[in-house]
Amino acid sequence: MKRILFFLFVSLLVSGTMYSQSLENEATPSNSTTTEQLVSTFYGSKLSSNSHNPCKGATIRVCGTIEWKLITENSAQTRVVKQIKDADGTVLSVSDFFVAKPLKAVKGDIIKFRNKY
């Protein structure tokens, strides 16, 4: 009889622990979406076809911008939407791709890329 009560107590204890862990997992959503945007402004006399710097010539006139929108739904991969716009805000090109890195790593790579050009 003591063994039966002991096993009953242990089974109640284990099931209670498993139930609390399942509630803890439900409290934190795994599909949280994070979005960040980076914008680079370029100055020049006219637009060029170079994807690194869409402007030609040295001047204070804004001739284009490149916008990166970073979207991540989990920490494993990041969706990158890159838009190149002219001075009037007209979209010249759009690139949409996935990177197998977390958002912070992709953001750091873009900032290094921007500072390089």
Protein backbone atom coordinates (compact mmCIF):
# COMPACT_ATOMS: atom_id res chain seq x y z
CA MET A 1 0.00 0.00 0.00
CA LYS A 2 2.89 2.37 0.80
CA ARG A 3 4.40 1.72 -2.62
CA ILE A 4 1.13 2.54 -4.38
CA LEU A 5 0.80 5.83 -2.49
CA PHE A 6 4.46 6.65 -3.17
CA PHE A 7 4.11 6.02 -6.95
CA LEU A 8 0.86 8.01 -7.00
CA PHE A 9 2.61 10.94 -5.29
CA VAL A 10 5.58 10.79 -7.69
CA SER A 11 3.31 10.62 -10.76
CA LEU A 12 1.34 13.66 -9.55
CA LEU A 13 4.56 15.55 -8.93
CA VAL A 14 5.98 14.76 -12.40
CA SER A 15 2.73 15.60 -14.22
CA GLY A 16 2.46 18.92 -12.35
CA THR A 17 6.00 19.83 -13.34
CA MET A 18 5.36 18.97 -16.99
CA TYR A 19 2.15 21.02 -16.99
CA SER A 20 3.94 24.10 -15.62
CA GLN A 21 6.66 23.76 -18.27
CA SER A 22 4.06 23.60 -21.04
CA LEU A 23 2.45 26.79 -19.71
CA GLU A 24 5.85 28.47 -19.66
CA ASN A 25 6.42 27.54 -23.33
CA GLU A 26 3.02 28.92 -24.33
CA ALA A 27 3.69 32.24 -22.61
CA THR A 28 6.57 33.12 -24.94
CA PRO A 29 5.46 33.22 -28.59
CA SER A 30 7.94 31.66 -30.98
CA ASN A 31 6.67 33.64 -33.99
CA SER A 32 7.55 37.16 -32.87
CA THR A 33 8.38 39.43 -35.80
CA THR A 34 11.10 42.08 -35.61
CA THR A 35 11.48 44.78 -38.26
CA GLU A 36 14.26 47.34 -38.65
CA GLN A 37 15.01 49.84 -41.40
CA LEU A 38 18.33 51.34 -42.49
CA VAL A 39 18.61 54.25 -44.93
CA SER A 40 21.70 55.50 -46.78
CA THR A 41 21.58 58.87 -48.55
CA PHE A 42 23.90 59.56 -51.48
CA TYR A 43 24.97 62.90 -52.89
CA GLY A 44 25.99 63.54 -56.47
CA SER A 45 25.24 65.39 -59.69
CA LYS A 46 23.36 62.59 -61.46
CA LEU A 47 22.24 59.03 -61.05
CA SER A 48 24.47 56.14 -62.09
CA SER A 49 23.91 52.42 -62.52
CA ASN A 50 26.32 51.42 -59.72
CA SER A 51 24.49 49.45 -57.02
CA HIS A 52 27.00 50.47 -54.31
CA ASN A 53 26.68 54.21 -54.86
CA PRO A 54 23.88 55.33 -57.16
CA CYS A 55 25.36 58.82 -57.71
CA LYS A 56 28.09 60.38 -59.87
CA GLY A 57 30.07 63.50 -59.11
CA ALA A 58 30.75 65.33 -55.86
CA THR A 59 28.07 67.79 -54.77
CA ILE A 60 25.74 68.50 -51.87
CA ARG A 61 22.66 67.60 -53.94
CA VAL A 62 20.85 64.42 -52.82
CA CYS A 63 20.56 62.16 -55.83
CA GLY A 64 19.45 58.87 -54.31
CA THR A 65 18.80 56.69 -51.31
CA ILE A 66 19.12 53.00 -50.56
CA GLU A 67 16.70 51.61 -47.98
CA TRP A 68 17.15 48.23 -46.33
CA LYS A 69 14.18 46.75 -44.48
CA LEU A 70 15.16 43.81 -42.25
CA ILE A 71 12.41 41.42 -41.17
CA THR A 72 12.94 38.38 -38.96
CA GLU A 73 10.37 35.97 -37.62
CA ASN A 74 12.86 33.76 -35.83
CA SER A 75 16.48 34.17 -34.91
CA ALA A 76 17.79 31.85 -37.65
CA GLN A 77 17.14 33.85 -40.83
CA THR A 78 16.39 37.41 -41.91
CA ARG A 79 14.45 38.71 -44.91
CA VAL A 80 16.10 41.72 -46.54
CA VAL A 81 14.18 44.11 -48.82
CA LYS A 82 16.50 46.59 -50.55
CA GLN A 83 15.04 49.59 -52.42
CA ILE A 84 17.03 52.05 -54.50
CA LYS A 85 15.24 55.39 -54.92
CA ASP A 86 16.10 58.54 -56.83
CA ALA A 87 16.03 62.07 -55.38
CA ASP A 88 12.28 62.37 -56.02
CA GLY A 89 11.52 59.17 -54.11
CA THR A 90 10.76 57.10 -57.20
CA VAL A 91 11.67 53.44 -56.68
CA LEU A 92 14.26 52.40 -59.26
CA SER A 93 14.82 48.81 -58.14
CA VAL A 94 13.73 46.40 -55.42
CA SER A 95 15.65 43.33 -54.24
CA ASP A 96 14.09 40.80 -51.87
CA PHE A 97 16.12 37.92 -50.42
CA PHE A 98 16.70 35.79 -47.31
CA VAL A 99 19.94 35.60 -45.34
CA ALA A 100 20.70 32.68 -43.03
CA LYS A 101 21.88 34.94 -40.20
CA PRO A 102 20.20 36.62 -37.25
CA LEU A 103 19.01 40.22 -37.62
CA LYS A 104 21.87 41.76 -35.62
CA ALA A 105 24.50 40.07 -37.80
CA VAL A 106 22.80 41.20 -41.03
CA LYS A 107 22.48 44.74 -39.69
CA GLY A 108 26.19 44.79 -38.81
CA ASP A 109 27.10 43.54 -42.30
CA ILE A 110 24.99 46.28 -43.93
CA ILE A 111 26.56 48.98 -41.75
CA LYS A 112 30.05 47.74 -42.70
CA PHE A 113 29.01 47.69 -46.35
CA ARG A 114 27.64 51.25 -46.15
CA ASN A 115 30.81 52.59 -44.52
CA LYS A 116 32.96 50.90 -47.18
CA TYR A 117 31.42 52.85 -50.07
